[in-house]
Amino acid sequence: MFNVNNLNVAWDFFKLIFFELIALFLIISFIVALLQRYISKDTIKKVLTKPHKRMQNVIGAALGAVTPFCSCSTIPILVGLFKSGAPFGGTISFLISSPVLNPMIIILFLKFFGLKATAIYFVFTFIFATLIGALLEKLGMEKEIKNVTIQGSGHEDITYDKLTGTRFEKHKEVARYALKDTLGLFVKVIPFLVFGAGVGAFIYGFVPQEFIVKYAGPDNFLAVPTAAVIGVPMYVRTETMIPIAKALNASGMSIGAIMALVIGGAGASIPEVTLLNTIFRKKMVIAFVIAVFSVATITGIAFNIIL
């Protein structure tokens, strides 16, 4: 198992994945940082409250899909939206879709899993984010909100609409902040990129394919719900999870189990659930975790059927 050939295979995989991740991360992060500077909480609230009530969940899920927030950074925005009177259902749809459908995930999916898998992933998670927001509102979960305020540093609130000067000066300032955000985030994330590529390379080079196929292959029905259960409490950055998922898939893990793992990890990590517990009462927190687990499991099963 541990021989020179395995080591060479693992090293080649690591180099390929790691340098691709760095290039993609820098490009995507800069675009994402620009979006964060152009799209303020006030803008999100205005868009959410404009459409007919039946469309608020669709708009919320759509905003989540184009706004680049991870599960934990979505929480302060969530509080701000509730404080400003944004509709509950649409805001919950935003909460669910933002970490699992943000631009970083979509572009990494396109790169490593292709257009068809990305399209299926997008459609399923978008529909579920819309439906879950509507369902939780219908069940009266709005009354489970606590009266809380989360304070940010203030720096992240400097958006285009709050800047002064000519249009050119404002765009230039936004680009400067975006570049600063990108480089700052890159320094923080580089260990995760190394770790993710390293774990993926180890799996690809040293873990026997027969082992993965036996316990997490397409013929094991329990692989998908088990992956969802593992993913929900797991906190792994998307940048770390994607190369690991790619290696698992190449080694025989079913695409459905991988999707369940990614959705569970991105949608309901332990830090996010802990923060949600300060915003919502237990009934709503439990409902949220069950909803994410359901999305991860159903989407995973659908992937195994379709692909």
C-alpha atoms as a PDB file:
ATOM      1  CA  MET A   1       0.000   0.000   0.000  1.00  0.00           C
ATOM      2  CA  PHE A   2       2.681   2.499   1.057  1.00  0.00           C
ATOM      3  CA  ASN A   3       5.140   2.392  -1.807  1.00  0.00           C
ATOM      4  CA  VAL A   4       6.876   4.800  -4.169  1.00  0.00           C
ATOM      5  CA  ASN A   5       4.207   4.422  -6.855  1.00  0.00           C
ATOM      6  CA  ASN A   6       1.425   5.371  -4.415  1.00  0.00           C
ATOM      7  CA  LEU A   7       3.469   8.327  -3.225  1.00  0.00           C
ATOM      8  CA  ASN A   8       4.016   9.560  -6.789  1.00  0.00           C
ATOM      9  CA  VAL A   9       0.305   9.241  -7.589  1.00  0.00           C
ATOM     10  CA  ALA A  10      -0.614  11.155  -4.426  1.00  0.00           C
ATOM     11  CA  TRP A  11       1.982  13.866  -5.114  1.00  0.00           C
ATOM     12  CA  ASP A  12       0.818  14.368  -8.702  1.00  0.00           C
ATOM     13  CA  PHE A  13      -2.797  14.668  -7.483  1.00  0.00           C
ATOM     14  CA  PHE A  14      -1.765  17.152  -4.786  1.00  0.00           C
ATOM     15  CA  LYS A  15       0.110  19.409  -7.203  1.00  0.00           C
ATOM     16  CA  LEU A  16      -2.704  19.431  -9.745  1.00  0.00           C
ATOM     17  CA  ILE A  17      -5.487  20.112  -7.240  1.00  0.00           C
ATOM     18  CA  PHE A  18      -3.537  22.557  -5.053  1.00  0.00           C
ATOM     19  CA  PHE A  19      -2.423  24.934  -7.797  1.00  0.00           C
ATOM     20  CA  GLU A  20      -5.837  24.813  -9.489  1.00  0.00           C
ATOM     21  CA  LEU A  21      -7.429  25.671  -6.158  1.00  0.00           C
ATOM     22  CA  ILE A  22      -5.105  28.622  -5.587  1.00  0.00           C
ATOM     23  CA  ALA A  23      -5.840  30.092  -9.026  1.00  0.00           C
ATOM     24  CA  LEU A  24      -9.585  29.530  -8.714  1.00  0.00           C
ATOM     25  CA  PHE A  25      -9.676  30.783  -5.141  1.00  0.00           C
ATOM     26  CA  LEU A  26      -7.934  34.089  -5.899  1.00  0.00           C
ATOM     27  CA  ILE A  27     -10.102  34.809  -8.947  1.00  0.00           C
ATOM     28  CA  ILE A  28     -13.387  33.746  -7.356  1.00  0.00           C
ATOM     29  CA  SER A  29     -12.617  35.414  -4.024  1.00  0.00           C
ATOM     30  CA  PHE A  30     -11.960  38.757  -5.714  1.00  0.00           C
ATOM     31  CA  ILE A  31     -15.261  38.548  -7.630  1.00  0.00           C
ATOM     32  CA  VAL A  32     -17.024  37.493  -4.431  1.00  0.00           C
ATOM     33  CA  ALA A  33     -15.448  40.364  -2.474  1.00  0.00           C
ATOM     34  CA  LEU A  34     -16.629  42.810  -5.128  1.00  0.00           C
ATOM     35  CA  LEU A  35     -20.179  41.458  -4.822  1.00  0.00           C
ATOM     36  CA  GLN A  36     -20.066  41.888  -1.058  1.00  0.00           C
ATOM     37  CA  ARG A  37     -19.095  45.535  -1.489  1.00  0.00           C
ATOM     38  CA  TYR A  38     -21.857  46.205  -4.018  1.00  0.00           C
ATOM     39  CA  ILE A  39     -24.669  44.271  -2.298  1.00  0.00           C
ATOM     40  CA  SER A  40     -25.535  45.667   1.138  1.00  0.00           C
ATOM     41  CA  LYS A  41     -27.958  44.334   3.747  1.00  0.00           C
ATOM     42  CA  ASP A  42     -30.277  47.236   2.890  1.00  0.00           C
ATOM     43  CA  THR A  43     -30.274  46.164  -0.765  1.00  0.00           C
ATOM     44  CA  ILE A  44     -31.133  42.579   0.185  1.00  0.00           C
ATOM     45  CA  LYS A  45     -33.965  43.803   2.427  1.00  0.00           C
ATOM     46  CA  LYS A  46     -35.399  46.037  -0.295  1.00  0.00           C
ATOM     47  CA  VAL A  47     -35.353  43.236  -2.846  1.00  0.00           C
ATOM     48  CA  LEU A  48     -36.911  40.777  -0.402  1.00  0.00           C
ATOM     49  CA  THR A  49     -39.802  43.051   0.532  1.00  0.00           C
ATOM     50  CA  LYS A  50     -40.715  44.256  -2.955  1.00  0.00           C
ATOM     51  CA  PRO A  51     -42.246  41.143  -4.590  1.00  0.00           C
ATOM     52  CA  HIS A  52     -45.568  39.474  -3.905  1.00  0.00           C
ATOM     53  CA  LYS A  53     -45.490  37.346  -0.745  1.00  0.00           C
ATOM     54  CA  ARG A  54     -45.472  34.114  -2.752  1.00  0.00           C
ATOM     55  CA  MET A  55     -42.315  35.271  -4.518  1.00  0.00           C
ATOM     56  CA  GLN A  56     -40.382  36.246  -1.385  1.00  0.00           C
ATOM     57  CA  ASN A  57     -39.008  32.740  -0.881  1.00  0.00           C
ATOM     58  CA  VAL A  58     -37.890  32.495  -4.505  1.00  0.00           C
ATOM     59  CA  ILE A  59     -36.222  35.915  -4.282  1.00  0.00           C
ATOM     60  CA  GLY A  60     -34.603  34.970  -0.960  1.00  0.00           C
ATOM     61  CA  ALA A  61     -33.155  31.754  -2.412  1.00  0.00           C
ATOM     62  CA  ALA A  62     -31.978  33.647  -5.516  1.00  0.00           C
ATOM     63  CA  LEU A  63     -30.251  36.311  -3.398  1.00  0.00           C
ATOM     64  CA  GLY A  64     -28.578  33.569  -1.382  1.00  0.00           C
ATOM     65  CA  ALA A  65     -27.316  31.980  -4.589  1.00  0.00           C
ATOM     66  CA  VAL A  66     -25.576  35.169  -5.753  1.00  0.00           C
ATOM     67  CA  THR A  67     -24.380  36.545  -2.424  1.00  0.00           C
ATOM     68  CA  PRO A  68     -21.068  35.035  -1.317  1.00  0.00           C
ATOM     69  CA  PHE A  69     -21.544  34.209   2.354  1.00  0.00           C
ATOM     70  CA  CYS A  70     -20.509  31.086   4.249  1.00  0.00           C
ATOM     71  CA  SER A  71     -22.822  29.624   6.882  1.00  0.00           C
ATOM     72  CA  CYS A  72     -21.336  31.625   9.789  1.00  0.00           C
ATOM     73  CA  SER A  73     -21.018  34.990   8.044  1.00  0.00           C
ATOM     74  CA  THR A  74     -24.677  34.728   7.009  1.00  0.00           C
ATOM     75  CA  ILE A  75     -25.803  34.932  10.653  1.00  0.00           C
ATOM     76  CA  PRO A  76     -25.076  38.651  11.308  1.00  0.00           C
ATOM     77  CA  ILE A  77     -26.819  39.452   8.018  1.00  0.00           C
ATOM     78  CA  LEU A  78     -29.767  37.320   9.131  1.00  0.00           C
ATOM     79  CA  VAL A  79     -30.103  39.303  12.370  1.00  0.00           C
ATOM     80  CA  GLY A  80     -29.879  42.586  10.481  1.00  0.00           C
ATOM     81  CA  LEU A  81     -32.607  41.492   8.079  1.00  0.00           C
ATOM     82  CA  PHE A  82     -34.936  40.464  10.901  1.00  0.00           C
ATOM     83  CA  LYS A  83     -34.263  43.749  12.733  1.00  0.00           C
ATOM     84  CA  SER A  84     -35.090  45.732   9.605  1.00  0.00           C
ATOM     85  CA  GLY A  85     -38.396  43.922   9.106  1.00  0.00           C
ATOM     86  CA  ALA A  86     -37.518  41.628   6.193  1.00  0.00           C
ATOM     87  CA  PRO A  87     -40.067  38.813   5.663  1.00  0.00           C
ATOM     88  CA  PHE A  88     -39.361  35.647   7.679  1.00  0.00           C
ATOM     89  CA  GLY A  89     -39.873  33.076   4.897  1.00  0.00           C
ATOM     90  CA  GLY A  90     -37.726  34.876   2.347  1.00  0.00           C
ATOM     91  CA  THR A  91     -34.979  35.473   4.915  1.00  0.00           C
ATOM     92  CA  ILE A  92     -34.896  31.771   5.860  1.00  0.00           C
ATOM     93  CA  SER A  93     -34.663  30.810   2.172  1.00  0.00           C
ATOM     94  CA  PHE A  94     -31.718  33.216   1.955  1.00  0.00           C
ATOM     95  CA  LEU A  95     -30.142  31.629   5.059  1.00  0.00           C
ATOM     96  CA  ILE A  96     -30.351  28.136   3.552  1.00  0.00           C
ATOM     97  CA  SER A  97     -29.261  28.921   0.002  1.00  0.00           C
ATOM     98  CA  SER A  98     -26.403  31.349   0.719  1.00  0.00           C
ATOM     99  CA  PRO A  99     -23.858  28.859   2.146  1.00  0.00           C
ATOM    100  CA  VAL A 100     -24.771  25.969  -0.201  1.00  0.00           C
ATOM    101  CA  LEU A 101     -25.255  27.934  -3.435  1.00  0.00           C
ATOM    102  CA  ASN A 102     -22.727  30.756  -3.224  1.00  0.00           C
ATOM    103  CA  PRO A 103     -20.512  31.506  -6.254  1.00  0.00           C
ATOM    104  CA  MET A 104     -17.440  29.804  -4.734  1.00  0.00           C
ATOM    105  CA  ILE A 105     -19.235  26.456  -4.453  1.00  0.00           C
ATOM    106  CA  ILE A 106     -20.838  26.681  -7.896  1.00  0.00           C
ATOM    107  CA  ILE A 107     -17.585  27.473  -9.725  1.00  0.00           C
ATOM    108  CA  LEU A 108     -15.643  24.784  -7.845  1.00  0.00           C
ATOM    109  CA  PHE A 109     -18.412  22.308  -8.680  1.00  0.00           C
ATOM    110  CA  LEU A 110     -18.211  23.255 -12.356  1.00  0.00           C
ATOM    111  CA  LYS A 111     -14.464  22.736 -12.347  1.00  0.00           C
ATOM    112  CA  PHE A 112     -14.338  19.412 -10.528  1.00  0.00           C
ATOM    113  CA  PHE A 113     -17.710  17.754 -11.261  1.00  0.00           C
ATOM    114  CA  GLY A 114     -18.882  19.240 -14.550  1.00  0.00           C
ATOM    115  CA  LEU A 115     -21.919  21.117 -15.832  1.00  0.00           C
ATOM    116  CA  LYS A 116     -24.536  18.376 -15.429  1.00  0.00           C
ATOM    117  CA  ALA A 117     -23.739  17.642 -11.782  1.00  0.00           C
ATOM    118  CA  THR A 118     -23.577  21.370 -11.008  1.00  0.00           C
ATOM    119  CA  ALA A 119     -26.938  22.007 -12.679  1.00  0.00           C
ATOM    120  CA  ILE A 120     -28.626  19.192 -10.727  1.00  0.00           C
ATOM    121  CA  TYR A 121     -27.053  20.415  -7.487  1.00  0.00           C
ATOM    122  CA  PHE A 122     -28.196  23.994  -8.138  1.00  0.00           C
ATOM    123  CA  VAL A 123     -31.770  23.057  -9.085  1.00  0.00           C
ATOM    124  CA  PHE A 124     -32.339  20.760  -6.099  1.00  0.00           C
ATOM    125  CA  THR A 125     -30.812  23.023  -3.457  1.00  0.00           C
ATOM    126  CA  PHE A 126     -32.531  26.108  -4.875  1.00  0.00           C
ATOM    127  CA  ILE A 127     -35.964  24.445  -4.876  1.00  0.00           C
ATOM    128  CA  PHE A 128     -35.488  23.096  -1.368  1.00  0.00           C
ATOM    129  CA  ALA A 129     -34.320  26.477  -0.026  1.00  0.00           C
ATOM    130  CA  THR A 130     -37.472  28.041  -1.464  1.00  0.00           C
ATOM    131  CA  LEU A 131     -39.805  25.343  -0.098  1.00  0.00           C
ATOM    132  CA  ILE A 132     -38.237  25.160   3.363  1.00  0.00           C
ATOM    133  CA  GLY A 133     -38.479  28.925   3.848  1.00  0.00           C
ATOM    134  CA  ALA A 134     -42.166  28.800   2.909  1.00  0.00           C
ATOM    135  CA  LEU A 135     -42.828  25.725   5.086  1.00  0.00           C
ATOM    136  CA  LEU A 136     -41.167  27.117   8.224  1.00  0.00           C
ATOM    137  CA  GLU A 137     -43.101  30.358   7.806  1.00  0.00           C
ATOM    138  CA  LYS A 138     -46.331  28.367   7.359  1.00  0.00           C
ATOM    139  CA  LEU A 139     -45.565  26.451  10.574  1.00  0.00           C
ATOM    140  CA  GLY A 140     -45.357  29.738  12.488  1.00  0.00           C
ATOM    141  CA  MET A 141     -41.622  29.535  13.245  1.00  0.00           C
ATOM    142  CA  GLU A 142     -41.388  33.331  13.094  1.00  0.00           C
ATOM    143  CA  LYS A 143     -42.429  33.450  16.746  1.00  0.00           C
ATOM    144  CA  GLU A 144     -39.306  31.434  17.637  1.00  0.00           C
ATOM    145  CA  ILE A 145     -37.003  34.418  16.963  1.00  0.00           C
ATOM    146  CA  LYS A 146     -35.190  35.790  20.009  1.00  0.00           C
ATOM    147  CA  ASN A 147     -34.496  39.496  20.517  1.00  0.00           C
ATOM    148  CA  VAL A 148     -30.771  39.623  19.795  1.00  0.00           C
ATOM    149  CA  THR A 149     -28.204  41.863  18.114  1.00  0.00           C
ATOM    150  CA  ILE A 150     -24.881  40.748  16.666  1.00  0.00           C
ATOM    151  CA  GLN A 151     -22.284  43.470  16.294  1.00  0.00           C
ATOM    152  CA  GLY A 152     -19.799  43.382  13.433  1.00  0.00           C
ATOM    153  CA  SER A 153     -16.473  45.173  13.110  1.00  0.00           C
ATOM    154  CA  GLY A 154     -17.968  47.813  10.813  1.00  0.00           C
ATOM    155  CA  HIS A 155     -15.390  47.286   8.085  1.00  0.00           C
ATOM    156  CA  GLU A 156     -17.604  44.762   6.276  1.00  0.00           C
ATOM    157  CA  ASP A 157     -20.423  47.342   6.155  1.00  0.00           C
ATOM    158  CA  ILE A 158     -18.493  49.690   3.852  1.00  0.00           C
ATOM    159  CA  THR A 159     -20.416  49.117   0.619  1.00  0.00           C
ATOM    160  CA  TYR A 160     -20.653  51.031  -2.652  1.00  0.00           C
ATOM    161  CA  ASP A 161     -23.813  52.903  -1.663  1.00  0.00           C
ATOM    162  CA  LYS A 162     -22.113  54.281   1.470  1.00  0.00           C
ATOM    163  CA  LEU A 163     -19.010  55.615  -0.269  1.00  0.00           C
ATOM    164  CA  THR A 164     -18.623  59.236  -1.412  1.00  0.00           C
ATOM    165  CA  GLY A 165     -17.008  60.764  -4.485  1.00  0.00           C
ATOM    166  CA  THR A 166     -17.388  60.297  -8.227  1.00  0.00           C
ATOM    167  CA  ARG A 167     -18.496  56.975  -9.679  1.00  0.00           C
ATOM    168  CA  PHE A 168     -14.947  56.200 -10.758  1.00  0.00           C
ATOM    169  CA  GLU A 169     -13.600  56.980  -7.279  1.00  0.00           C
ATOM    170  CA  LYS A 170     -16.265  54.815  -5.645  1.00  0.00           C
ATOM    171  CA  HIS A 171     -15.612  51.875  -8.004  1.00  0.00           C
ATOM    172  CA  LYS A 172     -11.877  52.260  -7.416  1.00  0.00           C
ATOM    173  CA  GLU A 173     -12.400  52.227  -3.641  1.00  0.00           C
ATOM    174  CA  VAL A 174     -14.604  49.136  -3.898  1.00  0.00           C
ATOM    175  CA  ALA A 175     -11.899  47.371  -5.935  1.00  0.00           C
ATOM    176  CA  ARG A 176      -9.292  48.342  -3.325  1.00  0.00           C
ATOM    177  CA  TYR A 177     -11.390  46.922  -0.491  1.00  0.00           C
ATOM    178  CA  ALA A 178     -12.112  43.779  -2.536  1.00  0.00           C
ATOM    179  CA  LEU A 179      -8.408  43.189  -3.208  1.00  0.00           C
ATOM    180  CA  LYS A 180      -7.601  43.739   0.471  1.00  0.00           C
ATOM    181  CA  ASP A 181     -10.372  41.318   1.471  1.00  0.00           C
ATOM    182  CA  THR A 182      -9.146  38.727  -1.041  1.00  0.00           C
ATOM    183  CA  LEU A 183      -5.525  38.804   0.114  1.00  0.00           C
ATOM    184  CA  GLY A 184      -6.554  38.794   3.774  1.00  0.00           C
ATOM    185  CA  LEU A 185      -8.831  35.815   3.238  1.00  0.00           C
ATOM    186  CA  PHE A 186      -6.189  33.994   1.185  1.00  0.00           C
ATOM    187  CA  VAL A 187      -3.681  34.203   4.052  1.00  0.00           C
ATOM    188  CA  LYS A 188      -6.285  32.720   6.404  1.00  0.00           C
ATOM    189  CA  VAL A 189      -7.444  30.028   3.983  1.00  0.00           C
ATOM    190  CA  ILE A 190      -4.095  28.777   2.601  1.00  0.00           C
ATOM    191  CA  PRO A 191      -3.716  26.196   5.438  1.00  0.00           C
ATOM    192  CA  PHE A 192      -7.190  24.852   4.584  1.00  0.00           C
ATOM    193  CA  LEU A 193      -6.244  24.601   0.911  1.00  0.00           C
ATOM    194  CA  VAL A 194      -3.088  22.681   1.787  1.00  0.00           C
ATOM    195  CA  PHE A 195      -5.000  20.424   4.184  1.00  0.00           C
ATOM    196  CA  GLY A 196      -7.824  19.717   1.728  1.00  0.00           C
ATOM    197  CA  ALA A 197      -5.467  18.983  -1.158  1.00  0.00           C
ATOM    198  CA  GLY A 198      -3.305  16.865   1.152  1.00  0.00           C
ATOM    199  CA  VAL A 199      -6.187  14.744   2.454  1.00  0.00           C
ATOM    200  CA  GLY A 200      -7.539  14.374  -1.073  1.00  0.00           C
ATOM    201  CA  ALA A 201      -4.117  13.290  -2.351  1.00  0.00           C
ATOM    202  CA  PHE A 202      -3.766  10.748   0.463  1.00  0.00           C
ATOM    203  CA  ILE A 203      -7.191   9.267  -0.276  1.00  0.00           C
ATOM    204  CA  TYR A 204      -6.486   9.167  -4.013  1.00  0.00           C
ATOM    205  CA  GLY A 205      -3.045   7.608  -3.628  1.00  0.00           C
ATOM    206  CA  PHE A 206      -3.290   5.325  -0.606  1.00  0.00           C
ATOM    207  CA  VAL A 207      -6.884   4.381   0.314  1.00  0.00           C
ATOM    208  CA  PRO A 208      -7.894   1.207  -1.560  1.00  0.00           C
ATOM    209  CA  GLN A 209     -10.717   1.816  -4.035  1.00  0.00           C
ATOM    210  CA  GLU A 210     -12.407  -1.420  -2.960  1.00  0.00           C
ATOM    211  CA  PHE A 211     -12.742  -0.099   0.608  1.00  0.00           C
ATOM    212  CA  ILE A 212     -14.479   3.115  -0.456  1.00  0.00           C
ATOM    213  CA  VAL A 213     -16.745   1.341  -2.967  1.00  0.00           C
ATOM    214  CA  LYS A 214     -17.807  -1.185  -0.311  1.00  0.00           C
ATOM    215  CA  TYR A 215     -18.805   1.338   2.351  1.00  0.00           C
ATOM    216  CA  ALA A 216     -19.689   4.457   0.347  1.00  0.00           C
ATOM    217  CA  GLY A 217     -20.287   3.243  -3.191  1.00  0.00           C
ATOM    218  CA  PRO A 218     -23.502   3.561  -5.207  1.00  0.00           C
ATOM    219  CA  ASP A 219     -24.697   0.086  -4.130  1.00  0.00           C
ATOM    220  CA  ASN A 220     -24.741   1.009  -0.436  1.00  0.00           C
ATOM    221  CA  PHE A 221     -28.091   2.719   0.172  1.00  0.00           C
ATOM    222  CA  LEU A 222     -27.093   3.854   3.667  1.00  0.00           C
ATOM    223  CA  ALA A 223     -24.073   5.732   2.301  1.00  0.00           C
ATOM    224  CA  VAL A 224     -26.126   8.850   1.474  1.00  0.00           C
ATOM    225  CA  PRO A 225     -27.943   9.369   4.808  1.00  0.00           C
ATOM    226  CA  THR A 226     -24.757   8.438   6.675  1.00  0.00           C
ATOM    227  CA  ALA A 227     -22.811  11.073   4.731  1.00  0.00           C
ATOM    228  CA  ALA A 228     -25.552  13.622   5.508  1.00  0.00           C
ATOM    229  CA  VAL A 229     -25.349  12.788   9.220  1.00  0.00           C
ATOM    230  CA  ILE A 230     -21.559  13.181   9.140  1.00  0.00           C
ATOM    231  CA  GLY A 231     -21.761  16.390   7.109  1.00  0.00           C
ATOM    232  CA  VAL A 232     -24.310  18.239   9.281  1.00  0.00           C
ATOM    233  CA  PRO A 233     -22.109  18.590  12.404  1.00  0.00           C
ATOM    234  CA  MET A 234     -18.867  18.813  10.410  1.00  0.00           C
ATOM    235  CA  TYR A 235     -17.302  22.240   9.876  1.00  0.00           C
ATOM    236  CA  VAL A 236     -15.042  22.072   6.844  1.00  0.00           C
ATOM    237  CA  ARG A 237     -14.572  25.020   4.545  1.00  0.00           C
ATOM    238  CA  THR A 238     -15.796  24.498   1.000  1.00  0.00           C
ATOM    239  CA  GLU A 239     -12.267  25.096  -0.254  1.00  0.00           C
ATOM    240  CA  THR A 240     -11.151  22.136   1.867  1.00  0.00           C
ATOM    241  CA  MET A 241     -14.095  19.861   1.127  1.00  0.00           C
ATOM    242  CA  ILE A 242     -14.133  20.039  -2.680  1.00  0.00           C
ATOM    243  CA  PRO A 243     -10.690  18.450  -3.290  1.00  0.00           C
ATOM    244  CA  ILE A 244     -11.473  15.769  -0.701  1.00  0.00           C
ATOM    245  CA  ALA A 245     -14.816  15.123  -2.418  1.00  0.00           C
ATOM    246  CA  LYS A 246     -13.074  14.925  -5.799  1.00  0.00           C
ATOM    247  CA  ALA A 247     -10.642  12.321  -4.481  1.00  0.00           C
ATOM    248  CA  LEU A 248     -13.433  10.317  -2.830  1.00  0.00           C
ATOM    249  CA  ASN A 249     -15.406  10.334  -6.076  1.00  0.00           C
ATOM    250  CA  ALA A 250     -12.371   9.242  -8.094  1.00  0.00           C
ATOM    251  CA  SER A 251     -11.828   6.423  -5.588  1.00  0.00           C
ATOM    252  CA  GLY A 252     -15.354   5.070  -5.904  1.00  0.00           C
ATOM    253  CA  MET A 253     -17.548   6.990  -3.437  1.00  0.00           C
ATOM    254  CA  SER A 254     -20.983   7.565  -4.907  1.00  0.00           C
ATOM    255  CA  ILE A 255     -21.722  11.054  -6.194  1.00  0.00           C
ATOM    256  CA  GLY A 256     -24.880  11.084  -4.058  1.00  0.00           C
ATOM    257  CA  ALA A 257     -22.966  10.483  -0.831  1.00  0.00           C
ATOM    258  CA  ILE A 258     -20.532  13.235  -1.778  1.00  0.00           C
ATOM    259  CA  MET A 259     -23.354  15.710  -2.408  1.00  0.00           C
ATOM    260  CA  ALA A 260     -24.951  14.816   0.928  1.00  0.00           C
ATOM    261  CA  LEU A 261     -21.625  15.380   2.691  1.00  0.00           C
ATOM    262  CA  VAL A 262     -21.043  18.753   1.015  1.00  0.00           C
ATOM    263  CA  ILE A 263     -24.591  20.062   1.590  1.00  0.00           C
ATOM    264  CA  GLY A 264     -24.632  18.928   5.209  1.00  0.00           C
ATOM    265  CA  GLY A 265     -21.248  20.483   5.948  1.00  0.00           C
ATOM    266  CA  ALA A 266     -21.959  23.757   4.138  1.00  0.00           C
ATOM    267  CA  GLY A 267     -25.544  24.134   5.358  1.00  0.00           C
ATOM    268  CA  ALA A 268     -25.495  23.298   9.057  1.00  0.00           C
ATOM    269  CA  SER A 269     -22.041  23.242  10.641  1.00  0.00           C
ATOM    270  CA  ILE A 270     -21.616  23.202  14.419  1.00  0.00           C
ATOM    271  CA  PRO A 271     -20.489  26.888  14.571  1.00  0.00           C
ATOM    272  CA  GLU A 272     -23.532  27.945  12.535  1.00  0.00           C
ATOM    273  CA  VAL A 273     -25.974  25.943  14.675  1.00  0.00           C
ATOM    274  CA  THR A 274     -24.377  27.425  17.806  1.00  0.00           C
ATOM    275  CA  LEU A 275     -24.936  30.952  16.461  1.00  0.00           C
ATOM    276  CA  LEU A 276     -28.473  30.094  15.354  1.00  0.00           C
ATOM    277  CA  ASN A 277     -29.164  28.981  18.923  1.00  0.00           C
ATOM    278  CA  THR A 278     -28.586  32.572  20.031  1.00  0.00           C
ATOM    279  CA  ILE A 279     -31.099  33.842  17.472  1.00  0.00           C
ATOM    280  CA  PHE A 280     -33.813  31.165  17.565  1.00  0.00           C
ATOM    281  CA  ARG A 281     -35.397  29.039  20.248  1.00  0.00           C
ATOM    282  CA  LYS A 282     -34.687  25.295  20.233  1.00  0.00           C
ATOM    283  CA  LYS A 283     -37.763  24.386  18.204  1.00  0.00           C
ATOM    284  CA  MET A 284     -36.601  26.451  15.229  1.00  0.00           C
ATOM    285  CA  VAL A 285     -32.976  25.287  15.522  1.00  0.00           C
ATOM    286  CA  ILE A 286     -34.063  21.644  15.479  1.00  0.00           C
ATOM    287  CA  ALA A 287     -36.349  22.301  12.513  1.00  0.00           C
ATOM    288  CA  PHE A 288     -33.472  23.958  10.647  1.00  0.00           C
ATOM    289  CA  VAL A 289     -31.067  21.041  11.234  1.00  0.00           C
ATOM    290  CA  ILE A 290     -33.728  18.524  10.148  1.00  0.00           C
ATOM    291  CA  ALA A 291     -34.379  20.597   7.036  1.00  0.00           C
ATOM    292  CA  VAL A 292     -30.685  20.658   6.050  1.00  0.00           C
ATOM    293  CA  PHE A 293     -30.343  16.918   6.723  1.00  0.00           C
ATOM    294  CA  SER A 294     -33.417  16.275   4.544  1.00  0.00           C
ATOM    295  CA  VAL A 295     -32.078  18.420   1.706  1.00  0.00           C
ATOM    296  CA  ALA A 296     -28.693  16.663   1.864  1.00  0.00           C
ATOM    297  CA  THR A 297     -30.238  13.181   1.888  1.00  0.00           C
ATOM    298  CA  ILE A 298     -32.876  13.715  -0.803  1.00  0.00           C
ATOM    299  CA  THR A 299     -30.450  15.524  -3.094  1.00  0.00           C
ATOM    300  CA  GLY A 300     -27.864  12.775  -2.599  1.00  0.00           C
ATOM    301  CA  ILE A 301     -30.361  10.032  -3.448  1.00  0.00           C
ATOM    302  CA  ALA A 302     -31.498  11.994  -6.511  1.00  0.00           C
ATOM    303  CA  PHE A 303     -27.890  12.275  -7.676  1.00  0.00           C
ATOM    304  CA  ASN A 304     -27.418   8.513  -7.455  1.00  0.00           C
ATOM    305  CA  ILE A 305     -30.596   7.954  -9.478  1.00  0.00           C
ATOM    306  CA  ILE A 306     -29.967  10.594 -12.156  1.00  0.00           C
ATOM    307  CA  LEU A 307     -26.202  10.194 -12.663  1.00  0.00           C
END
